[in-house]
Amino acid sequence: MEWEVISVLGGGEEGKIQENLVILGVEPEPQYLRMNKQQILRYVWLADTLRAHRRLTKERLNQLWMKSELSDGNPLPDRTFYHYRRAVEEIFKIEIGCNSQGEYFIVENDEGGRSGMTDWLLDSFAINTLLADSSDIAGRVEVEEVPSAREFLPAVINAMRGGKSVIFDYAGFNRSMIERGIEFLPYFLKRYKQRWYMAGVRVKSGDIRTYALDRVKAMRPGEKSYELPADASAADIFGDIIGITSSKADARTVRLRATRTQAKYFRALPFHTSQKEELTADDHSEFTYRLKLNYELVHELVGLGDAVEVLEPKELRIMVAEELKKALKQYE
């Protein structure tokens, strides 16, 4: 099967559709809505604190707890800690282990890294809960809209969980007419630049397609059942691209020279997970990546302007230069 355009949630454990995606509104009565808001923040605090400190004894954890506003100056009893630990494991699918020295820690996934899905859930719980309690400053908080998330995302996730198709109408940007009645087997989801995409098999043609949820006009559950193919690895498909457009081409070594200021941004928020800082000078730094050359990569680099120069490969350097020339022509 040929994978042309792919988007995903991620690999390993985070690639599985977790049962506790209550923040997305999939369940009719999410568990977190039945909890006290302060209780949710306590669970998030426990997970975040263990992530930040890696290993903590119960005594040290209690000291940090006492400094937190959530404690109200009261210690964390063993029984309460036990309940918080279980809640973190059940809600966020984060396992908290304890070694022979009595140190508690977050048990990492099979790849030994952090789960982007878990981080997103933790952030969403904490932020949603805080903002819900802050209606008095609602006019002072601006957030970007995520098109279609509330309307179609729960239906897609339910279909992925149940291994069922979805049937939808689609208004693609490159088509003048709406395509109606597309039956689709959703394999993966990805949010990129505030838009949600689903990737999977279009039943009629049997090929792999990617659809933006904000271009879906109507959706209903389908009856066709499916199982995710064993060779459809989210990490393998998505790990070496920027954006959602993939190809059968091999990943290339991409070397960028960044200004001193831009280098700080790259260190704080890497351009890609494969980022390595190879050279650090007074006025610039050089970073390398393993990436496939695609539309999104070129346009991301163009958007960085003179803060970044492509050093290699030559093909990418030419692609970026051509796009910059086209843009400059608009102003001549």
Protein backbone atom coordinates (compact mmCIF):
# COMPACT_ATOMS: atom_id res chain seq x y z
CA MET A 1 0.00 0.00 0.00
CA GLU A 2 1.41 3.39 -0.97
CA TRP A 3 1.55 6.16 1.62
CA GLU A 4 1.57 9.56 -0.06
CA VAL A 5 0.21 12.04 2.48
CA ILE A 6 0.12 11.07 6.12
CA SER A 7 -0.66 12.67 9.47
CA VAL A 8 -0.61 11.03 12.84
CA LEU A 9 -1.03 11.30 16.58
CA GLY A 10 2.34 9.76 17.25
CA GLY A 11 4.10 6.47 17.71
CA GLY A 12 4.25 3.86 20.44
CA GLU A 13 1.75 4.14 23.26
CA GLU A 14 0.66 7.63 22.25
CA GLY A 15 -0.27 6.32 18.82
CA LYS A 16 -2.98 4.19 20.40
CA ILE A 17 -6.27 5.98 20.91
CA GLN A 18 -6.30 6.34 24.64
CA GLU A 19 -9.41 5.55 26.59
CA ASN A 20 -9.23 8.72 28.61
CA LEU A 21 -9.47 11.35 25.87
CA VAL A 22 -12.27 12.91 27.88
CA ILE A 23 -10.93 16.40 27.20
CA LEU A 24 -12.06 16.01 23.58
CA GLY A 25 -15.69 15.54 24.60
CA VAL A 26 -15.88 11.98 23.29
CA GLU A 27 -17.63 10.60 26.35
CA PRO A 28 -21.20 11.83 26.97
CA GLU A 29 -20.33 12.63 30.58
CA PRO A 30 -16.56 13.02 30.97
CA GLN A 31 -15.09 12.00 34.29
CA TYR A 32 -13.16 15.25 34.66
CA LEU A 33 -16.40 17.26 34.55
CA ARG A 34 -17.61 15.35 37.61
CA MET A 35 -14.48 16.24 39.56
CA ASN A 36 -13.70 19.26 41.63
CA LYS A 37 -11.54 21.63 39.56
CA GLN A 38 -8.96 21.88 42.32
CA GLN A 39 -8.77 18.10 42.36
CA ILE A 40 -7.82 18.02 38.66
CA LEU A 41 -5.10 20.59 39.24
CA ARG A 42 -3.70 18.45 42.07
CA TYR A 43 -3.41 15.46 39.76
CA VAL A 44 -1.69 17.60 37.12
CA TRP A 45 0.64 19.01 39.79
CA LEU A 46 1.71 15.52 40.85
CA ALA A 47 2.44 14.41 37.27
CA ASP A 48 4.26 17.63 36.36
CA THR A 49 6.33 17.64 39.56
CA LEU A 50 7.51 14.07 39.04
CA ARG A 51 8.34 14.84 35.41
CA ALA A 52 10.33 17.92 36.37
CA HIS A 53 12.31 16.31 39.22
CA ARG A 54 12.49 12.80 37.71
CA ARG A 55 12.82 11.01 41.05
CA LEU A 56 11.45 12.13 44.41
CA THR A 57 11.11 10.52 47.80
CA LYS A 58 7.78 10.88 49.53
CA GLU A 59 9.42 13.27 52.01
CA ARG A 60 10.79 15.55 49.28
CA LEU A 61 7.53 15.37 47.36
CA ASN A 62 5.69 16.47 50.48
CA GLN A 63 8.07 19.42 50.91
CA LEU A 64 7.32 20.59 47.37
CA TRP A 65 3.63 20.02 47.94
CA MET A 66 3.67 22.25 51.02
CA LYS A 67 5.14 25.07 48.90
CA SER A 68 2.34 24.72 46.35
CA GLU A 69 -0.75 26.91 46.57
CA LEU A 70 -2.82 23.77 46.08
CA SER A 71 -1.80 22.42 49.49
CA ASP A 72 -3.36 25.25 51.52
CA GLY A 73 -0.41 24.73 53.84
CA ASN A 74 -1.40 21.14 54.65
CA PRO A 75 0.85 18.10 54.16
CA LEU A 76 0.02 15.33 51.70
CA PRO A 77 -1.17 12.28 53.67
CA ASP A 78 -0.11 8.84 52.43
CA ARG A 79 -3.71 7.82 51.76
CA THR A 80 -4.34 10.99 49.72
CA PHE A 81 -1.11 10.49 47.75
CA TYR A 82 -2.20 6.94 46.95
CA HIS A 83 -5.52 8.21 45.56
CA TYR A 84 -3.79 10.95 43.52
CA ARG A 85 -1.32 8.41 42.13
CA ARG A 86 -4.10 6.11 41.01
CA ALA A 87 -6.07 9.00 39.50
CA VAL A 88 -3.03 10.12 37.45
CA GLU A 89 -2.60 6.58 36.14
CA GLU A 90 -6.29 6.13 35.27
CA ILE A 91 -6.97 9.55 33.75
CA PHE A 92 -3.71 10.36 32.01
CA LYS A 93 -2.36 6.82 31.50
CA ILE A 94 0.82 7.89 33.31
CA GLU A 95 2.31 5.10 35.41
CA ILE A 96 4.05 6.23 38.61
CA GLY A 97 6.68 3.76 39.81
CA CYS A 98 8.66 3.47 43.04
CA ASN A 99 12.19 2.05 43.32
CA SER A 100 13.92 0.27 46.19
CA GLN A 101 15.14 3.63 47.59
CA GLY A 102 11.57 4.80 48.01
CA GLU A 103 11.81 7.27 45.11
CA TYR A 104 8.76 7.87 42.95
CA PHE A 105 9.13 8.48 39.21
CA ILE A 106 7.23 8.55 35.91
CA VAL A 107 7.58 5.26 34.03
CA GLU A 108 8.52 6.27 30.48
CA ASN A 109 7.08 4.66 27.34
CA ASP A 110 8.76 1.84 25.42
CA GLU A 111 10.92 4.25 23.42
CA GLY A 112 12.20 5.83 26.61
CA GLY A 113 10.94 9.28 25.66
CA ARG A 114 8.16 11.57 26.70
CA SER A 115 4.72 11.15 25.24
CA GLY A 116 3.54 14.15 23.26
CA MET A 117 -0.01 12.90 23.61
CA THR A 118 0.32 12.78 27.40
CA ASP A 119 1.83 16.26 27.54
CA TRP A 120 -1.03 17.59 25.44
CA LEU A 121 -3.62 15.99 27.72
CA LEU A 122 -1.97 17.39 30.84
CA ASP A 123 -1.77 20.88 29.35
CA SER A 124 -5.36 20.73 28.15
CA PHE A 125 -6.71 19.63 31.53
CA ALA A 126 -4.78 22.27 33.43
CA ILE A 127 -5.50 25.16 31.06
CA ASN A 128 -9.17 24.34 30.51
CA THR A 129 -9.74 24.05 34.24
CA LEU A 130 -7.92 27.29 35.03
CA LEU A 131 -9.73 29.26 32.31
CA ALA A 132 -13.12 27.89 33.33
CA ASP A 133 -12.46 29.38 36.77
CA SER A 134 -11.34 32.71 35.31
CA SER A 135 -14.48 34.11 33.69
CA ASP A 136 -13.73 37.46 35.34
CA ILE A 137 -10.74 37.96 32.99
CA ALA A 138 -12.23 36.27 29.90
CA GLY A 139 -11.89 39.46 27.87
CA ARG A 140 -8.16 39.52 28.55
CA VAL A 141 -7.37 36.01 27.28
CA GLU A 142 -7.03 35.39 23.54
CA VAL A 143 -6.77 31.88 22.08
CA GLU A 144 -6.52 30.64 18.52
CA GLU A 145 -9.57 28.88 17.15
CA VAL A 146 -9.13 25.25 16.10
CA PRO A 147 -11.59 24.75 13.20
CA SER A 148 -13.88 21.69 13.32
CA ALA A 149 -12.44 20.22 16.52
CA ARG A 150 -15.70 20.18 18.47
CA GLU A 151 -17.88 19.20 15.53
CA PHE A 152 -16.11 16.26 13.87
CA LEU A 153 -13.12 15.24 15.99
CA PRO A 154 -15.15 13.21 18.53
CA ALA A 155 -16.83 11.26 15.69
CA VAL A 156 -13.46 10.41 14.12
CA ILE A 157 -11.99 9.31 17.45
CA ASN A 158 -15.00 7.12 18.18
CA ALA A 159 -14.58 5.51 14.75
CA MET A 160 -10.87 4.89 15.42
CA ARG A 161 -11.65 3.36 18.78
CA GLY A 162 -14.31 1.08 17.36
CA GLY A 163 -12.48 0.25 14.13
CA LYS A 164 -15.35 1.58 12.02
CA SER A 165 -15.56 3.71 8.91
CA VAL A 166 -16.94 7.25 8.67
CA ILE A 167 -18.95 8.67 5.77
CA PHE A 168 -18.63 12.38 5.01
CA ASP A 169 -19.03 15.20 2.48
CA TYR A 170 -15.87 17.12 1.63
CA ALA A 171 -15.21 20.54 0.10
CA GLY A 172 -11.56 20.47 -0.92
CA PHE A 173 -9.82 23.73 -1.79
CA ASN A 174 -8.85 22.40 -5.20
CA ARG A 175 -12.37 21.31 -6.17
CA SER A 176 -15.32 23.38 -7.32
CA MET A 177 -17.91 20.81 -6.21
CA ILE A 178 -18.47 19.11 -2.87
CA GLU A 179 -17.61 15.40 -2.86
CA ARG A 180 -20.45 13.56 -1.18
CA GLY A 181 -20.65 10.22 0.58
CA ILE A 182 -16.93 9.49 0.95
CA GLU A 183 -16.48 6.34 3.04
CA PHE A 184 -13.18 6.41 4.91
CA LEU A 185 -11.23 4.26 7.38
CA PRO A 186 -9.51 6.70 9.77
CA TYR A 187 -6.06 5.47 10.81
CA PHE A 188 -4.37 8.55 12.25
CA LEU A 189 -5.05 12.10 13.43
CA LYS A 190 -2.83 15.12 13.60
CA ARG A 191 -3.23 18.76 14.53
CA TYR A 192 -0.94 20.97 12.46
CA LYS A 193 -1.07 24.76 12.46
CA GLN A 194 -4.39 24.79 14.31
CA ARG A 195 -6.07 22.42 11.83
CA TRP A 196 -7.00 18.78 12.41
CA TYR A 197 -6.27 16.18 9.72
CA MET A 198 -7.28 12.52 9.46
CA ALA A 199 -5.34 10.00 7.39
CA GLY A 200 -6.42 6.55 6.34
CA VAL A 201 -7.94 4.51 3.52
CA ARG A 202 -10.61 5.78 1.15
CA VAL A 203 -12.81 2.70 0.78
CA LYS A 204 -13.83 3.18 -2.86
CA SER A 205 -10.29 3.50 -4.24
CA GLY A 206 -8.36 1.61 -1.56
CA ASP A 207 -5.60 4.22 -1.44
CA ILE A 208 -4.29 6.32 1.41
CA ARG A 209 -5.71 9.85 1.71
CA THR A 210 -5.51 12.75 4.12
CA TYR A 211 -8.46 15.05 4.77
CA ALA A 212 -8.65 18.30 6.72
CA LEU A 213 -11.54 18.22 9.17
CA ASP A 214 -12.36 21.88 8.63
CA ARG A 215 -13.26 21.06 4.99
CA VAL A 216 -15.73 18.34 6.07
CA LYS A 217 -19.31 19.55 5.65
CA ALA A 218 -21.20 16.59 7.15
CA MET A 219 -20.22 13.29 8.77
CA ARG A 220 -21.97 10.16 9.97
CA PRO A 221 -20.80 6.75 11.26
CA GLY A 222 -20.20 4.01 8.67
CA GLU A 223 -20.72 0.26 9.02
CA LYS A 224 -17.47 -1.06 7.52
CA SER A 225 -15.09 -2.55 10.09
CA TYR A 226 -11.31 -2.47 9.91
CA GLU A 227 -8.11 -3.19 11.83
CA LEU A 228 -5.07 -0.95 11.67
CA PRO A 229 -2.47 -2.75 9.49
CA ALA A 230 0.56 -4.01 11.38
CA ASP A 231 2.89 -2.14 9.00
CA ALA A 232 1.11 1.22 9.42
CA SER A 233 3.52 2.68 11.98
CA ALA A 234 2.69 6.23 12.96
CA ALA A 235 6.25 7.03 14.05
CA ASP A 236 7.79 5.63 10.87
CA ILE A 237 5.39 7.52 8.64
CA PHE A 238 5.44 10.88 10.36
CA GLY A 239 8.80 11.06 12.10
CA ASP A 240 10.84 12.64 9.30
CA ILE A 241 8.57 15.32 7.84
CA ILE A 242 7.40 18.82 8.65
CA GLY A 243 3.63 19.18 8.34
CA ILE A 244 1.42 16.51 6.79
CA THR A 245 2.85 15.84 3.32
CA SER A 246 4.98 12.72 3.04
CA SER A 247 6.43 10.74 0.14
CA LYS A 248 8.44 7.63 -0.66
CA ALA A 249 11.63 9.71 -0.88
CA ASP A 250 14.39 9.17 1.66
CA ALA A 251 15.01 11.60 4.50
CA ARG A 252 17.92 13.97 3.91
CA THR A 253 20.36 15.70 6.22
CA VAL A 254 19.24 19.32 6.43
CA ARG A 255 21.71 21.87 7.83
CA LEU A 256 20.54 25.33 8.85
CA ARG A 257 22.50 28.37 9.99
CA ALA A 258 20.48 30.44 12.44
CA THR A 259 21.12 33.90 13.81
CA ARG A 260 21.96 34.19 17.49
CA THR A 261 18.38 35.17 18.33
CA GLN A 262 16.76 32.49 16.18
CA ALA A 263 19.04 29.86 17.71
CA LYS A 264 17.53 30.67 21.11
CA TYR A 265 14.06 30.01 19.69
CA PHE A 266 15.24 26.69 18.22
CA ARG A 267 16.68 25.65 21.57
CA ALA A 268 13.46 26.55 23.37
CA LEU A 269 11.18 24.97 20.73
CA PRO A 270 13.05 22.67 18.32
CA PHE A 271 12.20 23.00 14.63
CA HIS A 272 11.91 19.19 14.50
CA THR A 273 12.48 16.32 16.93
CA SER A 274 15.66 15.30 15.07
CA GLN A 275 17.31 18.65 15.79
CA LYS A 276 21.00 18.65 16.75
CA GLU A 277 23.07 21.75 17.43
CA GLU A 278 26.34 21.10 15.63
CA LEU A 279 28.04 24.49 15.98
CA THR A 280 27.67 27.42 18.37
CA ALA A 281 29.41 30.71 17.56
CA ASP A 282 29.07 34.24 18.92
CA ASP A 283 26.72 35.46 16.18
CA HIS A 284 25.16 32.24 14.82
CA SER A 285 24.59 28.53 15.33
CA GLU A 286 24.21 25.58 12.99
CA PHE A 287 21.58 22.87 13.38
CA THR A 288 21.08 19.60 11.53
CA TYR A 289 17.91 17.55 10.96
CA ARG A 290 16.82 14.36 9.21
CA LEU A 291 13.88 15.38 7.02
CA LYS A 292 12.12 14.65 3.77
CA LEU A 293 11.88 17.68 1.50
CA ASN A 294 8.28 18.77 1.18
CA TYR A 295 6.04 21.80 0.68
CA GLU A 296 5.64 22.54 4.38
CA LEU A 297 9.38 22.45 5.06
CA VAL A 298 10.10 24.97 2.30
CA HIS A 299 7.37 27.35 3.46
CA GLU A 300 8.39 27.10 7.11
CA LEU A 301 11.93 28.10 6.13
CA VAL A 302 10.70 30.91 3.88
CA GLY A 303 8.65 32.19 6.83
CA LEU A 304 11.80 32.49 8.94
CA GLY A 305 13.21 35.05 6.50
CA ASP A 306 16.81 36.17 7.06
CA ALA A 307 16.94 34.56 10.50
CA VAL A 308 17.84 31.22 8.87
CA GLU A 309 20.01 30.17 5.92
CA VAL A 310 19.82 26.71 4.35
CA LEU A 311 23.35 25.33 4.02
CA GLU A 312 22.44 21.87 2.73
CA PRO A 313 21.18 20.03 0.82
CA LYS A 314 21.69 22.16 -2.26
CA GLU A 315 18.29 21.12 -3.62
CA LEU A 316 16.50 22.56 -0.60
CA ARG A 317 18.59 25.73 -0.72
CA ILE A 318 17.47 26.25 -4.35
CA MET A 319 13.81 25.53 -3.49
CA VAL A 320 13.81 28.12 -0.70
CA ALA A 321 15.63 30.68 -2.88
CA GLU A 322 13.05 30.24 -5.66
CA GLU A 323 10.16 30.81 -3.25
CA LEU A 324 11.82 33.94 -1.87
CA LYS A 325 12.32 35.27 -5.43
CA LYS A 326 8.62 34.70 -6.20
CA ALA A 327 7.65 36.56 -3.05
CA LEU A 328 10.00 39.47 -3.82
CA LYS A 329 8.53 39.76 -7.31
CA GLN A 330 5.17 40.67 -5.80
CA TYR A 331 6.72 43.90 -4.51
CA GLU A 332 8.73 44.95 -7.55
